[in-house]
Amino acid sequence: MSVQSFLLNQYAKWKLKDVPEAQREQMTALVTKDPELFKKIGEEIERRKKGGESEMKAAMEVMKKYRVELSTLMQK
């Protein structure tokens, strides 16, 4: 396990402590597969939030935009 994977898993345990472990592992596996995609998604959500959108609306809109890439990633 690389240091980056270890840190990602520890962060997920802390940030997503109320999420079931299996689901948390699935999410961290997706981020590990394509960290650049998730970095791009996070940056776009932050930009929209700074523009005045609520976090939920910004996240939903950005996820819709990247749904094809996310779906492909889940199929791997």
PDB file of N, CA and C in Angstrom:
ATOM      1  N   MET A   1       0.861  -1.182   0.000  1.00  0.00           N
ATOM      2  CA  MET A   1       0.000   0.000   0.000  1.00  0.00           C
ATOM      3  C   MET A   1       0.896   1.231   0.000  1.00  0.00           C
ATOM      4  N   SER A   2       0.620   2.126  -0.920  1.00  0.00           N
ATOM      5  CA  SER A   2       1.421   3.349  -0.991  1.00  0.00           C
ATOM      6  C   SER A   2       1.010   4.314   0.121  1.00  0.00           C
ATOM      7  N   VAL A   3       1.851   5.288   0.337  1.00  0.00           N
ATOM      8  CA  VAL A   3       1.572   6.300   1.367  1.00  0.00           C
ATOM      9  C   VAL A   3       0.306   7.070   0.994  1.00  0.00           C
ATOM     10  N   GLN A   4       0.158   7.382  -0.286  1.00  0.00           N
ATOM     11  CA  GLN A   4      -1.025   8.124  -0.737  1.00  0.00           C
ATOM     12  C   GLN A   4      -2.301   7.325  -0.468  1.00  0.00           C
ATOM     13  N   SER A   5      -2.285   6.034  -0.747  1.00  0.00           N
ATOM     14  CA  SER A   5      -3.455   5.190  -0.497  1.00  0.00           C
ATOM     15  C   SER A   5      -3.771   5.125   0.991  1.00  0.00           C
ATOM     16  N   PHE A   6      -2.732   4.981   1.788  1.00  0.00           N
ATOM     17  CA  PHE A   6      -2.911   4.929   3.235  1.00  0.00           C
ATOM     18  C   PHE A   6      -3.559   6.220   3.743  1.00  0.00           C
ATOM     19  N   LEU A   7      -3.011   7.360   3.309  1.00  0.00           N
ATOM     20  CA  LEU A   7      -3.558   8.650   3.750  1.00  0.00           C
ATOM     21  C   LEU A   7      -4.994   8.843   3.270  1.00  0.00           C
ATOM     22  N   LEU A   8      -5.272   8.433   2.060  1.00  0.00           N
ATOM     23  CA  LEU A   8      -6.634   8.532   1.524  1.00  0.00           C
ATOM     24  C   LEU A   8      -7.595   7.694   2.352  1.00  0.00           C
ATOM     25  N   ASN A   9      -7.187   6.484   2.696  1.00  0.00           N
ATOM     26  CA  ASN A   9      -8.048   5.615   3.510  1.00  0.00           C
ATOM     27  C   ASN A   9      -8.273   6.198   4.898  1.00  0.00           C
ATOM     28  N   GLN A  10      -7.234   6.756   5.509  1.00  0.00           N
ATOM     29  CA  GLN A  10      -7.387   7.346   6.830  1.00  0.00           C
ATOM     30  C   GLN A  10      -8.305   8.566   6.781  1.00  0.00           C
ATOM     31  N   TYR A  11      -8.153   9.380   5.745  1.00  0.00           N
ATOM     32  CA  TYR A  11      -9.014  10.557   5.586  1.00  0.00           C
ATOM     33  C   TYR A  11     -10.472  10.117   5.388  1.00  0.00           C
ATOM     34  N   ALA A  12     -10.676   9.089   4.568  1.00  0.00           N
ATOM     35  CA  ALA A  12     -12.037   8.593   4.324  1.00  0.00           C
ATOM     36  C   ALA A  12     -12.659   8.066   5.614  1.00  0.00           C
ATOM     37  N   LYS A  13     -11.890   7.356   6.424  1.00  0.00           N
ATOM     38  CA  LYS A  13     -12.411   6.851   7.693  1.00  0.00           C
ATOM     39  C   LYS A  13     -12.854   7.992   8.589  1.00  0.00           C
ATOM     40  N   TRP A  14     -12.073   9.061   8.584  1.00  0.00           N
ATOM     41  CA  TRP A  14     -12.399  10.207   9.439  1.00  0.00           C
ATOM     42  C   TRP A  14     -13.574  10.994   8.875  1.00  0.00           C
ATOM     43  N   LYS A  15     -13.513  11.330   7.594  1.00  0.00           N
ATOM     44  CA  LYS A  15     -14.523  12.193   6.983  1.00  0.00           C
ATOM     45  C   LYS A  15     -15.851  11.468   6.764  1.00  0.00           C
ATOM     46  N   LEU A  16     -15.795  10.195   6.455  1.00  0.00           N
ATOM     47  CA  LEU A  16     -16.997   9.423   6.127  1.00  0.00           C
ATOM     48  C   LEU A  16     -17.306   8.400   7.212  1.00  0.00           C
ATOM     49  N   LYS A  17     -17.099   8.774   8.451  1.00  0.00           N
ATOM     50  CA  LYS A  17     -17.249   7.812   9.552  1.00  0.00           C
ATOM     51  C   LYS A  17     -18.661   7.249   9.676  1.00  0.00           C
ATOM     52  N   ASP A  18     -19.672   7.976   9.185  1.00  0.00           N
ATOM     53  CA  ASP A  18     -21.052   7.499   9.275  1.00  0.00           C
ATOM     54  C   ASP A  18     -21.469   6.643   8.080  1.00  0.00           C
ATOM     55  N   VAL A  19     -20.587   6.518   7.090  1.00  0.00           N
ATOM     56  CA  VAL A  19     -20.867   5.727   5.895  1.00  0.00           C
ATOM     57  C   VAL A  19     -20.426   4.281   6.165  1.00  0.00           C
ATOM     58  N   PRO A  20     -21.224   3.293   5.764  1.00  0.00           N
ATOM     59  CA  PRO A  20     -20.821   1.894   5.971  1.00  0.00           C
ATOM     60  C   PRO A  20     -19.446   1.610   5.350  1.00  0.00           C
ATOM     61  N   GLU A  21     -18.684   0.740   6.003  1.00  0.00           N
ATOM     62  CA  GLU A  21     -17.308   0.482   5.591  1.00  0.00           C
ATOM     63  C   GLU A  21     -17.199   0.005   4.139  1.00  0.00           C
ATOM     64  N   ALA A  22     -18.089  -0.861   3.695  1.00  0.00           N
ATOM     65  CA  ALA A  22     -18.030  -1.372   2.321  1.00  0.00           C
ATOM     66  C   ALA A  22     -18.195  -0.238   1.312  1.00  0.00           C
ATOM     67  N   GLN A  23     -19.130   0.651   1.591  1.00  0.00           N
ATOM     68  CA  GLN A  23     -19.367   1.776   0.689  1.00  0.00           C
ATOM     69  C   GLN A  23     -18.173   2.734   0.722  1.00  0.00           C
ATOM     70  N   ARG A  24     -17.601   2.937   1.897  1.00  0.00           N
ATOM     71  CA  ARG A  24     -16.438   3.814   2.043  1.00  0.00           C
ATOM     72  C   ARG A  24     -15.254   3.244   1.252  1.00  0.00           C
ATOM     73  N   GLU A  25     -15.058   1.932   1.311  1.00  0.00           N
ATOM     74  CA  GLU A  25     -13.975   1.299   0.563  1.00  0.00           C
ATOM     75  C   GLU A  25     -14.192   1.422  -0.944  1.00  0.00           C
ATOM     76  N   GLN A  26     -15.443   1.301  -1.368  1.00  0.00           N
ATOM     77  CA  GLN A  26     -15.759   1.444  -2.790  1.00  0.00           C
ATOM     78  C   GLN A  26     -15.426   2.861  -3.261  1.00  0.00           C
ATOM     79  N   MET A  27     -15.766   3.851  -2.454  1.00  0.00           N
ATOM     80  CA  MET A  27     -15.495   5.239  -2.815  1.00  0.00           C
ATOM     81  C   MET A  27     -13.995   5.515  -2.879  1.00  0.00           C
ATOM     82  N   THR A  28     -13.250   5.025  -1.909  1.00  0.00           N
ATOM     83  CA  THR A  28     -11.802   5.253  -1.927  1.00  0.00           C
ATOM     84  C   THR A  28     -11.149   4.510  -3.085  1.00  0.00           C
ATOM     85  N   ALA A  29     -11.677   3.350  -3.465  1.00  0.00           N
ATOM     86  CA  ALA A  29     -11.138   2.621  -4.616  1.00  0.00           C
ATOM     87  C   ALA A  29     -11.341   3.422  -5.899  1.00  0.00           C
ATOM     88  N   LEU A  30     -12.482   4.055  -6.046  1.00  0.00           N
ATOM     89  CA  LEU A  30     -12.737   4.883  -7.230  1.00  0.00           C
ATOM     90  C   LEU A  30     -11.779   6.062  -7.289  1.00  0.00           C
ATOM     91  N   VAL A  31     -11.576   6.716  -6.166  1.00  0.00           N
ATOM     92  CA  VAL A  31     -10.667   7.867  -6.126  1.00  0.00           C
ATOM     93  C   VAL A  31      -9.243   7.413  -6.450  1.00  0.00           C
ATOM     94  N   THR A  32      -8.859   6.250  -5.965  1.00  0.00           N
ATOM     95  CA  THR A  32      -7.518   5.723  -6.219  1.00  0.00           C
ATOM     96  C   THR A  32      -7.325   5.402  -7.704  1.00  0.00           C
ATOM     97  N   LYS A  33      -8.381   4.951  -8.379  1.00  0.00           N
ATOM     98  CA  LYS A  33      -8.289   4.614  -9.800  1.00  0.00           C
ATOM     99  C   LYS A  33      -8.007   5.837 -10.667  1.00  0.00           C
ATOM    100  N   ASP A  34      -8.636   6.961 -10.362  1.00  0.00           N
ATOM    101  CA  ASP A  34      -8.464   8.165 -11.184  1.00  0.00           C
ATOM    102  C   ASP A  34      -8.490   9.417 -10.306  1.00  0.00           C
ATOM    103  N   PRO A  35      -7.408   9.675  -9.580  1.00  0.00           N
ATOM    104  CA  PRO A  35      -7.397  10.826  -8.675  1.00  0.00           C
ATOM    105  C   PRO A  35      -7.534  12.170  -9.395  1.00  0.00           C
ATOM    106  N   GLU A  36      -7.051  12.255 -10.633  1.00  0.00           N
ATOM    107  CA  GLU A  36      -7.149  13.518 -11.373  1.00  0.00           C
ATOM    108  C   GLU A  36      -8.601  13.892 -11.665  1.00  0.00           C
ATOM    109  N   LEU A  37      -9.428  12.911 -11.981  1.00  0.00           N
ATOM    110  CA  LEU A  37     -10.846  13.180 -12.227  1.00  0.00           C
ATOM    111  C   LEU A  37     -11.502  13.748 -10.976  1.00  0.00           C
ATOM    112  N   PHE A  38     -11.214  13.143  -9.826  1.00  0.00           N
ATOM    113  CA  PHE A  38     -11.829  13.613  -8.592  1.00  0.00           C
ATOM    114  C   PHE A  38     -11.275  14.960  -8.150  1.00  0.00           C
ATOM    115  N   LYS A  39     -10.029  15.228  -8.499  1.00  0.00           N
ATOM    116  CA  LYS A  39      -9.457  16.548  -8.222  1.00  0.00           C
ATOM    117  C   LYS A  39     -10.187  17.600  -9.057  1.00  0.00           C
ATOM    118  N   LYS A  40     -10.413  17.286 -10.332  1.00  0.00           N
ATOM    119  CA  LYS A  40     -11.113  18.195 -11.231  1.00  0.00           C
ATOM    120  C   LYS A  40     -12.550  18.433 -10.743  1.00  0.00           C
ATOM    121  N   ILE A  41     -13.222  17.373 -10.313  1.00  0.00           N
ATOM    122  CA  ILE A  41     -14.585  17.487  -9.804  1.00  0.00           C
ATOM    123  C   ILE A  41     -14.610  18.367  -8.559  1.00  0.00           C
ATOM    124  N   GLY A  42     -13.689  18.117  -7.635  1.00  0.00           N
ATOM    125  CA  GLY A  42     -13.626  18.910  -6.400  1.00  0.00           C
ATOM    126  C   GLY A  42     -13.372  20.378  -6.660  1.00  0.00           C
ATOM    127  N   GLU A  43     -12.465  20.668  -7.588  1.00  0.00           N
ATOM    128  CA  GLU A  43     -12.162  22.065  -7.916  1.00  0.00           C
ATOM    129  C   GLU A  43     -13.367  22.763  -8.530  1.00  0.00           C
ATOM    130  N   GLU A  44     -14.080  22.049  -9.387  1.00  0.00           N
ATOM    131  CA  GLU A  44     -15.257  22.659 -10.019  1.00  0.00           C
ATOM    132  C   GLU A  44     -16.367  22.910  -8.996  1.00  0.00           C
ATOM    133  N   ILE A  45     -16.549  21.995  -8.065  1.00  0.00           N
ATOM    134  CA  ILE A  45     -17.548  22.191  -7.010  1.00  0.00           C
ATOM    135  C   ILE A  45     -17.177  23.412  -6.174  1.00  0.00           C
ATOM    136  N   GLU A  46     -15.905  23.540  -5.820  1.00  0.00           N
ATOM    137  CA  GLU A  46     -15.457  24.699  -5.027  1.00  0.00           C
ATOM    138  C   GLU A  46     -15.688  26.002  -5.788  1.00  0.00           C
ATOM    139  N   ARG A  47     -15.391  26.008  -7.085  1.00  0.00           N
ATOM    140  CA  ARG A  47     -15.604  27.211  -7.899  1.00  0.00           C
ATOM    141  C   ARG A  47     -17.077  27.613  -7.902  1.00  0.00           C
ATOM    142  N   ARG A  48     -17.950  26.633  -8.043  1.00  0.00           N
ATOM    143  CA  ARG A  48     -19.389  26.921  -8.054  1.00  0.00           C
ATOM    144  C   ARG A  48     -19.867  27.421  -6.693  1.00  0.00           C
ATOM    145  N   LYS A  49     -19.326  26.846  -5.620  1.00  0.00           N
ATOM    146  CA  LYS A  49     -19.702  27.301  -4.274  1.00  0.00           C
ATOM    147  C   LYS A  49     -19.282  28.746  -4.061  1.00  0.00           C
ATOM    148  N   LYS A  50     -18.093  29.090  -4.535  1.00  0.00           N
ATOM    149  CA  LYS A  50     -17.629  30.474  -4.406  1.00  0.00           C
ATOM    150  C   LYS A  50     -18.475  31.412  -5.250  1.00  0.00           C
ATOM    151  N   GLY A  51     -19.093  30.873  -6.302  1.00  0.00           N
ATOM    152  CA  GLY A  51     -19.979  31.656  -7.156  1.00  0.00           C
ATOM    153  C   GLY A  51     -21.369  31.829  -6.566  1.00  0.00           C
ATOM    154  N   GLY A  52     -21.621  31.210  -5.411  1.00  0.00           N
ATOM    155  CA  GLY A  52     -22.886  31.423  -4.741  1.00  0.00           C
ATOM    156  C   GLY A  52     -23.831  30.231  -4.705  1.00  0.00           C
ATOM    157  N   GLU A  53     -23.486  29.148  -5.371  1.00  0.00           N
ATOM    158  CA  GLU A  53     -24.356  27.971  -5.346  1.00  0.00           C
ATOM    159  C   GLU A  53     -24.206  27.239  -4.021  1.00  0.00           C
ATOM    160  N   SER A  54     -25.249  26.544  -3.626  1.00  0.00           N
ATOM    161  CA  SER A  54     -25.148  25.704  -2.424  1.00  0.00           C
ATOM    162  C   SER A  54     -24.255  24.508  -2.754  1.00  0.00           C
ATOM    163  N   GLU A  55     -23.672  23.925  -1.720  1.00  0.00           N
ATOM    164  CA  GLU A  55     -22.772  22.795  -1.939  1.00  0.00           C
ATOM    165  C   GLU A  55     -23.503  21.628  -2.594  1.00  0.00           C
ATOM    166  N   MET A  56     -24.710  21.367  -2.149  1.00  0.00           N
ATOM    167  CA  MET A  56     -25.479  20.245  -2.686  1.00  0.00           C
ATOM    168  C   MET A  56     -25.783  20.444  -4.174  1.00  0.00           C
ATOM    169  N   LYS A  57     -26.245  21.633  -4.534  1.00  0.00           N
ATOM    170  CA  LYS A  57     -26.579  21.903  -5.934  1.00  0.00           C
ATOM    171  C   LYS A  57     -25.327  21.846  -6.801  1.00  0.00           C
ATOM    172  N   ALA A  58     -24.244  22.429  -6.317  1.00  0.00           N
ATOM    173  CA  ALA A  58     -22.994  22.416  -7.067  1.00  0.00           C
ATOM    174  C   ALA A  58     -22.527  20.984  -7.292  1.00  0.00           C
ATOM    175  N   ALA A  59     -22.568  20.167  -6.252  1.00  0.00           N
ATOM    176  CA  ALA A  59     -22.124  18.777  -6.364  1.00  0.00           C
ATOM    177  C   ALA A  59     -22.996  18.002  -7.340  1.00  0.00           C
ATOM    178  N   MET A  60     -24.290  18.188  -7.265  1.00  0.00           N
ATOM    179  CA  MET A  60     -25.201  17.467  -8.157  1.00  0.00           C
ATOM    180  C   MET A  60     -24.957  17.850  -9.619  1.00  0.00           C
ATOM    181  N   GLU A  61     -24.791  19.129  -9.883  1.00  0.00           N
ATOM    182  CA  GLU A  61     -24.575  19.585 -11.256  1.00  0.00           C
ATOM    183  C   GLU A  61     -23.243  19.087 -11.807  1.00  0.00           C
ATOM    184  N   VAL A  62     -22.207  19.128 -11.002  1.00  0.00           N
ATOM    185  CA  VAL A  62     -20.894  18.668 -11.451  1.00  0.00           C
ATOM    186  C   VAL A  62     -20.910  17.159 -11.670  1.00  0.00           C
ATOM    187  N   MET A  63     -21.569  16.422 -10.792  1.00  0.00           N
ATOM    188  CA  MET A  63     -21.649  14.971 -10.960  1.00  0.00           C
ATOM    189  C   MET A  63     -22.421  14.609 -12.235  1.00  0.00           C
ATOM    190  N   LYS A  64     -23.453  15.383 -12.550  1.00  0.00           N
ATOM    191  CA  LYS A  64     -24.182  15.155 -13.804  1.00  0.00           C
ATOM    192  C   LYS A  64     -23.245  15.358 -14.993  1.00  0.00           C
ATOM    193  N   LYS A  65     -22.428  16.401 -14.919  1.00  0.00           N
ATOM    194  CA  LYS A  65     -21.504  16.718 -16.003  1.00  0.00           C
ATOM    195  C   LYS A  65     -20.508  15.576 -16.235  1.00  0.00           C
ATOM    196  N   TYR A  66     -20.053  14.958 -15.168  1.00  0.00           N
ATOM    197  CA  TYR A  66     -19.033  13.915 -15.259  1.00  0.00           C
ATOM    198  C   TYR A  66     -19.608  12.502 -15.124  1.00  0.00           C
ATOM    199  N   ARG A  67     -20.903  12.322 -15.306  1.00  0.00           N
ATOM    200  CA  ARG A  67     -21.509  11.020 -15.071  1.00  0.00           C
ATOM    201  C   ARG A  67     -20.973   9.932 -16.000  1.00  0.00           C
ATOM    202  N   VAL A  68     -20.637  10.279 -17.231  1.00  0.00           N
ATOM    203  CA  VAL A  68     -20.100   9.276 -18.160  1.00  0.00           C
ATOM    204  C   VAL A  68     -18.752   8.774 -17.663  1.00  0.00           C
ATOM    205  N   GLU A  69     -17.872   9.704 -17.268  1.00  0.00           N
ATOM    206  CA  GLU A  69     -16.551   9.316 -16.765  1.00  0.00           C
ATOM    207  C   GLU A  69     -16.678   8.492 -15.478  1.00  0.00           C
ATOM    208  N   LEU A  70     -17.578   8.897 -14.587  1.00  0.00           N
ATOM    209  CA  LEU A  70     -17.784   8.160 -13.342  1.00  0.00           C
ATOM    210  C   LEU A  70     -18.339   6.767 -13.601  1.00  0.00           C
ATOM    211  N   SER A  71     -19.272   6.669 -14.530  1.00  0.00           N
ATOM    212  CA  SER A  71     -19.851   5.373 -14.879  1.00  0.00           C
ATOM    213  C   SER A  71     -18.791   4.446 -15.459  1.00  0.00           C
ATOM    214  N   THR A  72     -17.956   4.970 -16.332  1.00  0.00           N
ATOM    215  CA  THR A  72     -16.869   4.181 -16.922  1.00  0.00           C
ATOM    216  C   THR A  72     -15.923   3.708 -15.838  1.00  0.00           C
ATOM    217  N   LEU A  73     -15.608   4.578 -14.898  1.00  0.00           N
ATOM    218  CA  LEU A  73     -14.703   4.238 -13.811  1.00  0.00           C
ATOM    219  C   LEU A  73     -15.288   3.132 -12.942  1.00  0.00           C
ATOM    220  N   MET A  74     -16.585   3.160 -12.727  1.00  0.00           N
ATOM    221  CA  MET A  74     -17.239   2.136 -11.896  1.00  0.00           C
ATOM    222  C   MET A  74     -17.265   0.779 -12.596  1.00  0.00           C
ATOM    223  N   GLN A  75     -17.224   0.773 -13.922  1.00  0.00           N
ATOM    224  CA  GLN A  75     -17.258  -0.475 -14.680  1.00  0.00           C
ATOM    225  C   GLN A  75     -15.921  -1.200 -14.678  1.00  0.00           C
ATOM    226  N   LYS A  76     -14.836  -0.487 -14.413  1.00  0.00           N
ATOM    227  CA  LYS A  76     -13.497  -1.081 -14.436  1.00  0.00           C
ATOM    228  C   LYS A  76     -13.284  -2.024 -13.303  1.00  0.00           C
TER     229      LYS A  76
END
